[in-house]
Amino acid sequence: MSEVHAINLSTAWCLPPRAAGVWVRRFGRPAGIEPGDEVWLVVASASGCGLLLNGQPLPSVGPGGELRHEVTRLLQPRNELALAPCDAIVAETPEVARNGRCPLPDAIASVRLEIAGGPPLDPRSP
């Protein structure tokens, strides 16, 4: 992969129980990742949030901030991203699909993966 490819993760979140407040998004390892590629998690949040990827704590996002964190080595065939907003956000209840999933409200955060290609490999290398 030679250019940046973005995958939107702002949809298909599990709506948290009112008491927990933690949003969960499950996703598979992106296809087509080649040796030397890097996968970055990019989270922009108006209120700030804490993050876990597959149970591993990631740096938090400050209010009005954006996090860009390289996660290639943390990815598994199936992944779970947990997002805990720093503030209690009162927002309209999102439209929930039949599978119980909904979009992550913009007031909480926008989330995406970016896959960036590494340097071209030397065809003569073993």
Protein backbone atom coordinates (compact mmCIF):
# COMPACT_ATOMS: atom_id res chain seq x y z
CA MET A 1 0.00 0.00 0.00
CA SER A 2 1.65 3.24 -1.11
CA GLU A 3 -0.81 5.94 -0.02
CA VAL A 4 -2.93 6.67 3.04
CA HIS A 5 -6.21 4.76 3.17
CA ALA A 6 -8.79 5.84 5.79
CA ILE A 7 -11.42 3.57 7.36
CA ASN A 8 -14.24 5.33 9.20
CA LEU A 9 -15.01 3.78 12.60
CA SER A 10 -17.67 6.33 13.61
CA THR A 11 -20.51 3.90 12.85
CA ALA A 12 -21.64 0.56 14.34
CA TRP A 13 -20.89 1.35 18.00
CA CYS A 14 -22.60 -0.48 20.86
CA LEU A 15 -24.68 2.01 22.80
CA PRO A 16 -23.46 2.01 26.40
CA PRO A 17 -25.74 1.36 29.34
CA ARG A 18 -26.55 4.71 30.96
CA ALA A 19 -24.48 3.93 34.07
CA ALA A 20 -21.36 2.72 32.23
CA GLY A 21 -20.94 5.43 29.61
CA VAL A 22 -18.32 3.40 27.68
CA TRP A 23 -18.89 3.04 23.94
CA VAL A 24 -17.54 -0.12 22.27
CA ARG A 25 -16.69 -0.67 18.59
CA ARG A 26 -15.64 -4.08 17.30
CA PHE A 27 -13.86 -4.45 13.96
CA GLY A 28 -11.65 -6.83 12.03
CA ARG A 29 -8.01 -6.36 11.11
CA PRO A 30 -8.01 -4.34 7.87
CA ALA A 31 -7.33 -6.47 4.79
CA GLY A 32 -4.42 -5.75 2.49
CA ILE A 33 -1.91 -4.64 5.11
CA GLU A 34 1.53 -5.33 3.71
CA PRO A 35 4.94 -5.54 5.42
CA GLY A 36 6.08 -2.02 6.23
CA ASP A 37 2.55 -0.58 6.38
CA GLU A 38 1.50 1.27 9.51
CA VAL A 39 -2.01 1.50 10.94
CA TRP A 40 -2.85 4.65 12.91
CA LEU A 41 -5.87 5.23 15.13
CA VAL A 42 -7.09 8.82 14.76
CA VAL A 43 -9.60 10.15 17.32
CA ALA A 44 -10.85 13.75 17.47
CA SER A 45 -12.97 14.64 20.49
CA ALA A 46 -14.64 17.89 21.55
CA SER A 47 -14.97 16.83 25.19
CA GLY A 48 -11.98 14.48 25.52
CA CYS A 49 -12.03 10.72 26.08
CA GLY A 50 -10.11 7.72 27.34
CA LEU A 51 -9.36 4.77 25.04
CA LEU A 52 -8.60 1.05 25.23
CA LEU A 53 -7.73 -1.11 22.23
CA ASN A 54 -8.02 -4.84 22.92
CA GLY A 55 -7.73 -4.08 26.64
CA GLN A 56 -4.54 -2.04 26.13
CA PRO A 57 -4.76 1.57 27.41
CA LEU A 58 -3.95 4.22 24.82
CA PRO A 59 -3.15 7.88 25.46
CA SER A 60 -6.29 9.87 26.26
CA VAL A 61 -7.60 12.66 24.08
CA GLY A 62 -7.86 16.09 25.72
CA PRO A 63 -10.87 18.37 25.23
CA GLY A 64 -10.88 19.68 21.68
CA GLY A 65 -7.91 17.46 20.89
CA GLU A 66 -6.94 14.84 18.38
CA LEU A 67 -4.97 11.65 18.98
CA ARG A 68 -2.91 9.95 16.27
CA HIS A 69 -1.53 6.71 17.66
CA GLU A 70 0.25 3.94 15.72
CA VAL A 71 -1.55 0.66 16.52
CA THR A 72 -0.25 -1.82 13.93
CA ARG A 73 1.22 -4.23 16.50
CA LEU A 74 -1.86 -4.06 18.72
CA LEU A 75 -4.24 -5.24 16.00
CA GLN A 76 -5.62 -8.76 16.10
CA PRO A 77 -7.92 -10.61 13.67
CA ARG A 78 -10.87 -9.29 15.76
CA ASN A 79 -10.49 -6.04 17.73
CA GLU A 80 -12.38 -4.10 20.36
CA LEU A 81 -12.02 -0.35 20.82
CA ALA A 82 -13.54 1.11 24.01
CA LEU A 83 -14.09 4.86 24.27
CA ALA A 84 -15.05 6.59 27.54
CA PRO A 85 -16.02 10.27 27.17
CA CYS A 86 -14.41 12.48 29.84
CA ASP A 87 -17.62 14.45 30.41
CA ALA A 88 -21.15 13.22 30.77
CA ILE A 89 -22.55 14.23 27.41
CA VAL A 90 -26.25 14.78 27.07
CA ALA A 91 -27.08 14.09 23.46
CA GLU A 92 -30.05 12.88 21.54
CA THR A 93 -30.39 9.13 21.62
CA PRO A 94 -28.87 7.92 18.35
CA GLU A 95 -30.86 5.84 15.90
CA VAL A 96 -30.19 2.24 16.90
CA ALA A 97 -30.11 -0.41 14.17
CA ARG A 98 -31.65 -3.87 14.52
CA ASN A 99 -28.27 -5.25 15.55
CA GLY A 100 -28.19 -2.85 18.51
CA ARG A 101 -25.50 -0.66 17.00
CA CYS A 102 -25.53 3.06 16.28
CA PRO A 103 -23.25 5.87 15.12
CA LEU A 104 -20.96 7.46 17.67
CA PRO A 105 -22.40 10.96 18.24
CA ASP A 106 -20.24 13.75 16.81
CA ALA A 107 -20.45 15.46 20.22
CA ILE A 108 -18.37 12.57 21.62
CA ALA A 109 -15.76 11.90 18.93
CA SER A 110 -14.94 10.95 15.38
CA VAL A 111 -12.81 7.84 14.93
CA ARG A 112 -10.93 6.38 11.97
CA LEU A 113 -8.04 4.11 11.09
CA GLU A 114 -5.42 5.32 8.63
CA ILE A 115 -3.26 2.80 6.82
CA ALA A 116 -0.03 4.30 5.50
CA GLY A 117 2.34 2.44 3.21
CA GLY A 118 5.92 1.97 4.22
CA PRO A 119 8.91 2.58 1.97
CA PRO A 120 8.94 0.53 -1.22
CA LEU A 121 10.66 -2.81 -0.81
CA ASP A 122 13.81 -3.52 -2.80
CA PRO A 123 12.81 -6.29 -5.25
CA ARG A 124 16.33 -7.73 -4.94
CA SER A 125 16.03 -8.27 -1.20
CA PRO A 126 15.54 -11.89 -0.08
